[in-house]
C-alpha atoms as a PDB file:
ATOM      1  CA  UNK A   1       7.522 -32.565  18.180  1.00  0.00           C
ATOM      2  CA  UNK A   2       5.624 -30.046  20.277  1.00  0.00           C
ATOM      3  CA  UNK A   3       6.528 -26.441  21.060  1.00  0.00           C
ATOM      4  CA  UNK A   4       4.289 -24.810  23.617  1.00  0.00           C
ATOM      5  CA  UNK A   5       5.061 -21.130  23.031  1.00  0.00           C
ATOM      6  CA  UNK A   6       5.468 -19.267  19.746  1.00  0.00           C
ATOM      7  CA  UNK A   7       9.024 -18.569  18.661  1.00  0.00           C
ATOM      8  CA  UNK A   8       9.427 -14.763  18.698  1.00  0.00           C
ATOM      9  CA  UNK A   9      11.775 -15.066  15.735  1.00  0.00           C
ATOM     10  CA  UNK A  10       8.941 -16.579  13.720  1.00  0.00           C
ATOM     11  CA  UNK A  11       5.875 -14.862  15.224  1.00  0.00           C
ATOM     12  CA  UNK A  12       7.222 -11.378  15.728  1.00  0.00           C
ATOM     13  CA  UNK A  13       4.009  -9.665  16.824  1.00  0.00           C
ATOM     14  CA  UNK A  14       3.713  -9.814  20.618  1.00  0.00           C
ATOM     15  CA  UNK A  15      -0.075  -9.386  20.413  1.00  0.00           C
ATOM     16  CA  UNK A  16      -0.343 -12.459  18.190  1.00  0.00           C
ATOM     17  CA  UNK A  17       1.844 -14.450  20.581  1.00  0.00           C
ATOM     18  CA  UNK A  18      -0.420 -13.393  23.454  1.00  0.00           C
ATOM     19  CA  UNK A  19      -3.523 -14.516  21.560  1.00  0.00           C
ATOM     20  CA  UNK A  20      -1.932 -17.884  20.876  1.00  0.00           C
ATOM     21  CA  UNK A  21      -0.910 -18.250  24.526  1.00  0.00           C
ATOM     22  CA  UNK A  22      -4.464 -17.396  25.623  1.00  0.00           C
ATOM     23  CA  UNK A  23      -5.759 -20.574  23.962  1.00  0.00           C
ATOM     24  CA  UNK A  24      -3.663 -22.678  26.400  1.00  0.00           C
ATOM     25  CA  UNK A  25      -2.770 -24.931  23.457  1.00  0.00           C
ATOM     26  CA  UNK A  26       0.711 -25.675  22.107  1.00  0.00           C
ATOM     27  CA  UNK A  27       1.771 -23.427  19.246  1.00  0.00           C
ATOM     28  CA  UNK A  28       3.534 -26.024  17.100  1.00  0.00           C
ATOM     29  CA  UNK A  29       2.726 -29.728  16.813  1.00  0.00           C
ATOM     30  CA  UNK A  30       3.607 -32.455  14.346  1.00  0.00           C
ATOM     31  CA  UNK A  31       1.009 -34.818  12.935  1.00  0.00           C
ATOM     32  CA  UNK A  32       2.287 -38.240  13.937  1.00  0.00           C
ATOM     33  CA  UNK A  33       1.170 -40.211  10.893  1.00  0.00           C
ATOM     34  CA  UNK A  34       2.403 -37.817   8.211  1.00  0.00           C
ATOM     35  CA  UNK A  35       5.018 -35.651   9.904  1.00  0.00           C
ATOM     36  CA  UNK A  36       3.150 -32.488   8.841  1.00  0.00           C
ATOM     37  CA  UNK A  37       3.987 -29.420  10.951  1.00  0.00           C
ATOM     38  CA  UNK A  38       0.847 -27.730  12.256  1.00  0.00           C
ATOM     39  CA  UNK A  39       0.659 -24.171  13.602  1.00  0.00           C
ATOM     40  CA  UNK A  40      -1.959 -22.962  16.041  1.00  0.00           C
ATOM     41  CA  UNK A  41      -4.197 -20.181  14.718  1.00  0.00           C
ATOM     42  CA  UNK A  42      -6.090 -18.316  17.460  1.00  0.00           C
ATOM     43  CA  UNK A  43      -9.744 -17.296  17.019  1.00  0.00           C
ATOM     44  CA  UNK A  44     -10.461 -13.797  15.824  1.00  0.00           C
ATOM     45  CA  UNK A  45     -12.269 -11.429  13.494  1.00  0.00           C
ATOM     46  CA  UNK A  46     -11.109  -9.954  10.196  1.00  0.00           C
ATOM     47  CA  UNK A  47     -12.346  -8.284   7.026  1.00  0.00           C
ATOM     48  CA  UNK A  48     -12.783 -10.848   4.264  1.00  0.00           C
ATOM     49  CA  UNK A  49     -12.894  -9.960   0.574  1.00  0.00           C
ATOM     50  CA  UNK A  50     -11.804  -7.012  -1.528  1.00  0.00           C
ATOM     51  CA  UNK A  51     -13.199  -4.364  -3.842  1.00  0.00           C
ATOM     52  CA  UNK A  52     -10.657  -5.438  -6.472  1.00  0.00           C
ATOM     53  CA  UNK A  53     -13.048  -7.915  -8.071  1.00  0.00           C
ATOM     54  CA  UNK A  54     -16.796  -8.401  -8.225  1.00  0.00           C
ATOM     55  CA  UNK A  55     -16.338 -11.979  -6.998  1.00  0.00           C
ATOM     56  CA  UNK A  56     -14.639 -10.701  -3.834  1.00  0.00           C
ATOM     57  CA  UNK A  57     -17.362  -8.216  -2.870  1.00  0.00           C
ATOM     58  CA  UNK A  58     -18.636  -7.112  -0.515  1.00  0.00           C
ATOM     59  CA  UNK A  59     -15.867  -6.771   2.022  1.00  0.00           C
ATOM     60  CA  UNK A  60     -17.453  -8.277   5.110  1.00  0.00           C
ATOM     61  CA  UNK A  61     -16.489  -9.054   8.677  1.00  0.00           C
ATOM     62  CA  UNK A  62     -15.903 -12.716   9.524  1.00  0.00           C
ATOM     63  CA  UNK A  63     -15.632 -14.097  13.032  1.00  0.00           C
ATOM     64  CA  UNK A  64     -13.893 -17.410  13.693  1.00  0.00           C
ATOM     65  CA  UNK A  65     -14.802 -18.561  17.170  1.00  0.00           C
ATOM     66  CA  UNK A  66     -12.501 -21.550  17.637  1.00  0.00           C
ATOM     67  CA  UNK A  67      -8.732 -22.051  17.432  1.00  0.00           C
ATOM     68  CA  UNK A  68      -7.457 -24.502  14.837  1.00  0.00           C
ATOM     69  CA  UNK A  69      -4.199 -25.924  13.543  1.00  0.00           C
ATOM     70  CA  UNK A  70      -3.073 -25.333   9.962  1.00  0.00           C
ATOM     71  CA  UNK A  71      -0.153 -26.896   8.114  1.00  0.00           C
ATOM     72  CA  UNK A  72       2.771 -24.516   7.887  1.00  0.00           C
ATOM     73  CA  UNK A  73       3.186 -25.349   4.187  1.00  0.00           C
ATOM     74  CA  UNK A  74       1.322 -27.072   1.410  1.00  0.00           C
ATOM     75  CA  UNK A  75       1.223 -30.857   1.785  1.00  0.00           C
ATOM     76  CA  UNK A  76       4.314 -32.354   0.165  1.00  0.00           C
ATOM     77  CA  UNK A  77       4.772 -35.378  -2.036  1.00  0.00           C
ATOM     78  CA  UNK A  78       6.704 -37.066   0.761  1.00  0.00           C
ATOM     79  CA  UNK A  79       3.893 -36.514   3.264  1.00  0.00           C
ATOM     80  CA  UNK A  80       1.323 -37.720   0.739  1.00  0.00           C
ATOM     81  CA  UNK A  81       3.319 -40.860  -0.093  1.00  0.00           C
ATOM     82  CA  UNK A  82       3.593 -41.868   3.565  1.00  0.00           C
ATOM     83  CA  UNK A  83      -0.179 -42.300   3.581  1.00  0.00           C
ATOM     84  CA  UNK A  84      -1.118 -43.166   0.007  1.00  0.00           C
ATOM     85  CA  UNK A  85       2.017 -45.033  -1.173  1.00  0.00           C
ATOM     86  CA  UNK A  86       1.608 -43.270  -4.539  1.00  0.00           C
ATOM     87  CA  UNK A  87       2.628 -39.975  -6.115  1.00  0.00           C
ATOM     88  CA  UNK A  88       0.237 -38.497  -8.685  1.00  0.00           C
ATOM     89  CA  UNK A  89       2.288 -35.321  -9.193  1.00  0.00           C
ATOM     90  CA  UNK A  90       3.593 -34.103 -12.548  1.00  0.00           C
ATOM     91  CA  UNK A  91       6.654 -32.431 -11.061  1.00  0.00           C
ATOM     92  CA  UNK A  92       8.659 -35.003  -9.126  1.00  0.00           C
ATOM     93  CA  UNK A  93      12.250 -35.516  -8.024  1.00  0.00           C
ATOM     94  CA  UNK A  94      12.115 -34.094  -4.503  1.00  0.00           C
ATOM     95  CA  UNK A  95       9.822 -35.190  -1.637  1.00  0.00           C
ATOM     96  CA  UNK A  96       9.542 -31.546  -0.505  1.00  0.00           C
ATOM     97  CA  UNK A  97       7.731 -30.474  -3.662  1.00  0.00           C
ATOM     98  CA  UNK A  98       3.997 -29.959  -3.103  1.00  0.00           C
ATOM     99  CA  UNK A  99       1.774 -32.828  -4.139  1.00  0.00           C
ATOM    100  CA  UNK A 100      -0.436 -31.852  -7.082  1.00  0.00           C
ATOM    101  CA  UNK A 101      -2.806 -33.452  -9.555  1.00  0.00           C
ATOM    102  CA  UNK A 102      -5.091 -34.423  -6.680  1.00  0.00           C
ATOM    103  CA  UNK A 103      -8.790 -33.648  -6.935  1.00  0.00           C
ATOM    104  CA  UNK A 104     -11.183 -32.594  -4.208  1.00  0.00           C
ATOM    105  CA  UNK A 105     -12.886 -35.960  -4.645  1.00  0.00           C
ATOM    106  CA  UNK A 106      -9.559 -37.806  -4.329  1.00  0.00           C
ATOM    107  CA  UNK A 107      -8.962 -36.153  -0.972  1.00  0.00           C
ATOM    108  CA  UNK A 108     -12.398 -36.736   0.498  1.00  0.00           C
ATOM    109  CA  UNK A 109     -13.465 -40.146  -0.768  1.00  0.00           C
ATOM    110  CA  UNK A 110     -13.287 -43.285   1.378  1.00  0.00           C
ATOM    111  CA  UNK A 111      -9.622 -44.264   1.566  1.00  0.00           C
ATOM    112  CA  UNK A 112      -8.609 -40.728   0.545  1.00  0.00           C
ATOM    113  CA  UNK A 113      -5.847 -38.778   2.247  1.00  0.00           C
ATOM    114  CA  UNK A 114      -8.149 -36.822   4.551  1.00  0.00           C
ATOM    115  CA  UNK A 115     -10.163 -39.871   5.562  1.00  0.00           C
ATOM    116  CA  UNK A 116      -7.013 -41.794   6.428  1.00  0.00           C
ATOM    117  CA  UNK A 117      -5.329 -39.015   8.414  1.00  0.00           C
ATOM    118  CA  UNK A 118      -8.233 -37.398  10.274  1.00  0.00           C
ATOM    119  CA  UNK A 119      -7.237 -34.028   8.807  1.00  0.00           C
ATOM    120  CA  UNK A 120      -9.462 -31.759   6.722  1.00  0.00           C
ATOM    121  CA  UNK A 121      -9.305 -28.925   4.239  1.00  0.00           C
ATOM    122  CA  UNK A 122      -9.592 -25.359   5.541  1.00  0.00           C
ATOM    123  CA  UNK A 123     -12.817 -23.503   4.955  1.00  0.00           C
ATOM    124  CA  UNK A 124     -12.536 -20.492   2.678  1.00  0.00           C
ATOM    125  CA  UNK A 125     -12.945 -18.240   5.712  1.00  0.00           C
ATOM    126  CA  UNK A 126     -10.168 -20.038   7.580  1.00  0.00           C
ATOM    127  CA  UNK A 127      -7.874 -19.937   4.552  1.00  0.00           C
ATOM    128  CA  UNK A 128      -8.123 -16.182   4.085  1.00  0.00           C
ATOM    129  CA  UNK A 129      -7.748 -15.630   7.832  1.00  0.00           C
ATOM    130  CA  UNK A 130      -4.495 -17.637   7.793  1.00  0.00           C
ATOM    131  CA  UNK A 131      -3.303 -15.724   4.725  1.00  0.00           C
ATOM    132  CA  UNK A 132      -3.810 -12.163   5.972  1.00  0.00           C
ATOM    133  CA  UNK A 133      -6.438 -12.138   8.716  1.00  0.00           C
ATOM    134  CA  UNK A 134      -5.181  -9.845  11.437  1.00  0.00           C
ATOM    135  CA  UNK A 135      -3.105  -7.728   9.058  1.00  0.00           C
ATOM    136  CA  UNK A 136      -5.688  -7.589   6.235  1.00  0.00           C
ATOM    137  CA  UNK A 137      -3.022  -6.991   3.607  1.00  0.00           C
ATOM    138  CA  UNK A 138      -3.153  -7.720  -0.119  1.00  0.00           C
ATOM    139  CA  UNK A 139      -0.547 -10.493   0.186  1.00  0.00           C
ATOM    140  CA  UNK A 140       0.433 -12.499   3.275  1.00  0.00           C
ATOM    141  CA  UNK A 141       3.554 -10.365   3.804  1.00  0.00           C
ATOM    142  CA  UNK A 142       2.112  -6.948   2.889  1.00  0.00           C
ATOM    143  CA  UNK A 143       0.707  -4.976  -0.021  1.00  0.00           C
ATOM    144  CA  UNK A 144       3.718  -5.122  -2.341  1.00  0.00           C
ATOM    145  CA  UNK A 145       3.975  -7.546  -5.252  1.00  0.00           C
ATOM    146  CA  UNK A 146       7.350  -9.002  -4.204  1.00  0.00           C
ATOM    147  CA  UNK A 147       8.756 -11.655  -6.603  1.00  0.00           C
ATOM    148  CA  UNK A 148      11.008 -13.047  -3.865  1.00  0.00           C
ATOM    149  CA  UNK A 149       7.958 -13.957  -1.762  1.00  0.00           C
ATOM    150  CA  UNK A 150       6.088 -16.272  -4.130  1.00  0.00           C
ATOM    151  CA  UNK A 151       6.420 -18.710  -7.016  1.00  0.00           C
ATOM    152  CA  UNK A 152       4.152 -17.274  -9.699  1.00  0.00           C
ATOM    153  CA  UNK A 153       4.246 -17.125 -13.471  1.00  0.00           C
ATOM    154  CA  UNK A 154       5.030 -13.416 -13.401  1.00  0.00           C
ATOM    155  CA  UNK A 155       7.525 -13.562 -10.545  1.00  0.00           C
ATOM    156  CA  UNK A 156       9.342 -16.336  -8.691  1.00  0.00           C
ATOM    157  CA  UNK A 157      12.581 -16.783  -6.804  1.00  0.00           C
ATOM    158  CA  UNK A 158      15.114 -14.024  -7.614  1.00  0.00           C
ATOM    159  CA  UNK A 159      12.486 -12.394  -9.781  1.00  0.00           C
ATOM    160  CA  UNK A 160      12.374 -15.243 -12.288  1.00  0.00           C
ATOM    161  CA  UNK A 161       9.508 -17.643 -12.895  1.00  0.00           C
ATOM    162  CA  UNK A 162      10.378 -21.263 -12.134  1.00  0.00           C
ATOM    163  CA  UNK A 163       7.933 -22.690 -14.692  1.00  0.00           C
ATOM    164  CA  UNK A 164       7.030 -25.424 -12.229  1.00  0.00           C
ATOM    165  CA  UNK A 165       6.371 -25.965  -8.533  1.00  0.00           C
ATOM    166  CA  UNK A 166       9.005 -25.055  -5.943  1.00  0.00           C
ATOM    167  CA  UNK A 167       9.906 -26.931  -2.783  1.00  0.00           C
ATOM    168  CA  UNK A 168       7.626 -25.864   0.057  1.00  0.00           C
ATOM    169  CA  UNK A 169       9.141 -23.158   2.203  1.00  0.00           C
ATOM    170  CA  UNK A 170      11.358 -22.047  -0.702  1.00  0.00           C
ATOM    171  CA  UNK A 171      10.123 -18.449  -0.365  1.00  0.00           C
ATOM    172  CA  UNK A 172      10.520 -17.721   3.381  1.00  0.00           C
ATOM    173  CA  UNK A 173      10.044 -13.968   2.872  1.00  0.00           C
ATOM    174  CA  UNK A 174       6.428 -14.704   1.945  1.00  0.00           C
ATOM    175  CA  UNK A 175       5.433 -15.570   5.500  1.00  0.00           C
ATOM    176  CA  UNK A 176       1.984 -14.829   6.935  1.00  0.00           C
ATOM    177  CA  UNK A 177       1.234 -13.334  10.355  1.00  0.00           C
ATOM    178  CA  UNK A 178       0.817 -16.796  11.923  1.00  0.00           C
ATOM    179  CA  UNK A 179       4.081 -18.121  10.379  1.00  0.00           C
ATOM    180  CA  UNK A 180       2.420 -20.107   7.555  1.00  0.00           C
ATOM    181  CA  UNK A 181       4.202 -20.210   4.184  1.00  0.00           C
ATOM    182  CA  UNK A 182       3.340 -20.740   0.491  1.00  0.00           C
ATOM    183  CA  UNK A 183      -0.095 -19.140   0.732  1.00  0.00           C
ATOM    184  CA  UNK A 184       0.690 -17.098  -2.386  1.00  0.00           C
ATOM    185  CA  UNK A 185       1.655 -18.981  -5.528  1.00  0.00           C
ATOM    186  CA  UNK A 186       3.227 -22.416  -6.017  1.00  0.00           C
ATOM    187  CA  UNK A 187      -0.068 -24.361  -6.210  1.00  0.00           C
ATOM    188  CA  UNK A 188      -3.698 -23.388  -5.844  1.00  0.00           C
ATOM    189  CA  UNK A 189      -5.113 -24.893  -2.647  1.00  0.00           C
ATOM    190  CA  UNK A 190      -8.437 -26.686  -2.284  1.00  0.00           C
ATOM    191  CA  UNK A 191     -10.846 -25.366   0.347  1.00  0.00           C
ATOM    192  CA  UNK A 192     -13.766 -27.306   1.788  1.00  0.00           C
ATOM    193  CA  UNK A 193     -16.379 -24.762   0.647  1.00  0.00           C
ATOM    194  CA  UNK A 194     -18.619 -25.033  -2.325  1.00  0.00           C
ATOM    195  CA  UNK A 195     -18.263 -22.085  -4.716  1.00  0.00           C
ATOM    196  CA  UNK A 196     -21.232 -19.789  -5.167  1.00  0.00           C
ATOM    197  CA  UNK A 197     -20.616 -16.149  -6.051  1.00  0.00           C
ATOM    198  CA  UNK A 198     -24.201 -15.186  -5.225  1.00  0.00           C
ATOM    199  CA  UNK A 199     -23.971 -16.675  -1.736  1.00  0.00           C
ATOM    200  CA  UNK A 200     -20.660 -14.902  -1.080  1.00  0.00           C
ATOM    201  CA  UNK A 201     -21.913 -11.571  -2.370  1.00  0.00           C
ATOM    202  CA  UNK A 202     -25.098 -11.593  -0.275  1.00  0.00           C
ATOM    203  CA  UNK A 203     -23.567 -12.279   3.122  1.00  0.00           C
ATOM    204  CA  UNK A 204     -24.930 -10.375   6.086  1.00  0.00           C
ATOM    205  CA  UNK A 205     -22.316  -9.153   8.529  1.00  0.00           C
ATOM    206  CA  UNK A 206     -20.828 -10.401  10.663  1.00  0.00           C
ATOM    207  CA  UNK A 207     -20.475 -13.948   9.343  1.00  0.00           C
ATOM    208  CA  UNK A 208     -19.635 -16.465  12.064  1.00  0.00           C
ATOM    209  CA  UNK A 209     -17.599 -19.571  11.180  1.00  0.00           C
ATOM    210  CA  UNK A 210     -18.715 -19.586   7.505  1.00  0.00           C
ATOM    211  CA  UNK A 211     -18.644 -22.852   5.586  1.00  0.00           C
ATOM    212  CA  UNK A 212     -20.068 -21.869   2.202  1.00  0.00           C
ATOM    213  CA  UNK A 213     -23.145 -23.216   0.389  1.00  0.00           C
ATOM    214  CA  UNK A 214     -23.847 -26.922   0.776  1.00  0.00           C
ATOM    215  CA  UNK A 215     -25.365 -27.480  -2.660  1.00  0.00           C
ATOM    216  CA  UNK A 216     -22.749 -25.877  -4.952  1.00  0.00           C
ATOM    217  CA  UNK A 217     -21.361 -27.934  -7.836  1.00  0.00           C
ATOM    218  CA  UNK A 218     -17.943 -26.219  -7.908  1.00  0.00           C
ATOM    219  CA  UNK A 219     -15.330 -26.038  -5.142  1.00  0.00           C
ATOM    220  CA  UNK A 220     -13.220 -23.113  -3.974  1.00  0.00           C
ATOM    221  CA  UNK A 221      -9.485 -22.893  -4.634  1.00  0.00           C
ATOM    222  CA  UNK A 222      -7.268 -20.171  -3.187  1.00  0.00           C
ATOM    223  CA  UNK A 223      -3.768 -18.720  -3.460  1.00  0.00           C
ATOM    224  CA  UNK A 224      -2.680 -18.757  -7.106  1.00  0.00           C
ATOM    225  CA  UNK A 225      -0.012 -20.983  -8.630  1.00  0.00           C
ATOM    226  CA  UNK A 226       3.331 -21.242 -10.394  1.00  0.00           C
ATOM    227  CA  UNK A 227       1.759 -20.701 -13.832  1.00  0.00           C
ATOM    228  CA  UNK A 228      -0.609 -17.869 -12.843  1.00  0.00           C
ATOM    229  CA  UNK A 229       0.001 -14.141 -12.530  1.00  0.00           C
ATOM    230  CA  UNK A 230       0.920 -12.715  -9.138  1.00  0.00           C
ATOM    231  CA  UNK A 231      -2.399 -10.824  -9.105  1.00  0.00           C
ATOM    232  CA  UNK A 232      -4.108 -14.215  -8.728  1.00  0.00           C
ATOM    233  CA  UNK A 233      -2.056 -14.835  -5.576  1.00  0.00           C
ATOM    234  CA  UNK A 234      -3.751 -12.030  -3.650  1.00  0.00           C
ATOM    235  CA  UNK A 235      -5.208 -13.203  -0.333  1.00  0.00           C
ATOM    236  CA  UNK A 236      -8.775 -12.338  -1.286  1.00  0.00           C
ATOM    237  CA  UNK A 237      -8.746 -13.764  -4.821  1.00  0.00           C
ATOM    238  CA  UNK A 238     -11.235 -16.600  -5.358  1.00  0.00           C
ATOM    239  CA  UNK A 239     -10.979 -19.450  -7.848  1.00  0.00           C
ATOM    240  CA  UNK A 240     -13.161 -22.462  -8.554  1.00  0.00           C
ATOM    241  CA  UNK A 241     -12.872 -25.942 -10.038  1.00  0.00           C
ATOM    242  CA  UNK A 242     -15.021 -29.007 -10.427  1.00  0.00           C
ATOM    243  CA  UNK A 243     -14.382 -31.435  -7.548  1.00  0.00           C
ATOM    244  CA  UNK A 244     -13.097 -34.077  -9.982  1.00  0.00           C
ATOM    245  CA  UNK A 245     -10.482 -31.772 -11.585  1.00  0.00           C
ATOM    246  CA  UNK A 246      -6.794 -32.691 -11.350  1.00  0.00           C
ATOM    247  CA  UNK A 247      -4.096 -30.255 -12.447  1.00  0.00           C
ATOM    248  CA  UNK A 248      -0.359 -29.813 -11.944  1.00  0.00           C
ATOM    249  CA  UNK A 249      -1.059 -26.401 -10.424  1.00  0.00           C
ATOM    250  CA  UNK A 250      -3.517 -27.507  -7.706  1.00  0.00           C
ATOM    251  CA  UNK A 251      -2.607 -28.983  -4.322  1.00  0.00           C
ATOM    252  CA  UNK A 252      -3.751 -28.386  -0.746  1.00  0.00           C
ATOM    253  CA  UNK A 253      -2.919 -27.686   2.869  1.00  0.00           C
ATOM    254  CA  UNK A 254      -4.668 -29.157   5.877  1.00  0.00           C
ATOM    255  CA  UNK A 255      -6.375 -28.150   9.101  1.00  0.00           C
ATOM    256  CA  UNK A 256      -6.885 -30.034  12.354  1.00  0.00           C
ATOM    257  CA  UNK A 257      -9.243 -29.034  15.159  1.00  0.00           C
ATOM    258  CA  UNK A 258      -7.733 -29.376  18.673  1.00  0.00           C
END
């Protein structure tokens, strides 16, 4: 499946549609091996970080110079199983639930999901750009803590916590500017960057195509999860885990370079 032009019903901002069209690349494609839907994200600049937490300071300008494709939703158990023929997830019963209990090492090792598919994790800079980049809002949809937009421990569908993962796309009101979903809550998402608060806090502006420190022992996670407070689902909030960690509240989404 390929759709050349953005659907105005899904990408409402005409300026965003024009930026996508300017890349001369199709807006929506489907990864043949997995069936994952991938949305085109145009290059651009945005303000990364927040004054809400010391680990998110300073607010600094980031420039992403190349377009890239990002999965509309978190990778599902069905998409994972097509490649790996296994399902490590705690919460099962529906192939549209996000895959979880996968470590950074599991994804990146030889024979891992990313190696087999030719996909990769987003950088931390790419992730936050997808989440709120051009709008620079607290959450992907705006600044309000809306329980109908995310699956979090203090919110959830109809204002009630689900106490587990939800099917991807189950909170369509929580859509980002580029039409991506599930960026707030459900499962934390691995990024490719190493985690180093000192490196983040000492950045000189503007930062061009940042990738994070190469020698960090921890890895970045973003987006919050079903068992975390909605404040952890803010676009700028940063988390970290050891690359070998596996939890029922950590999954991932993928990126592909055209």
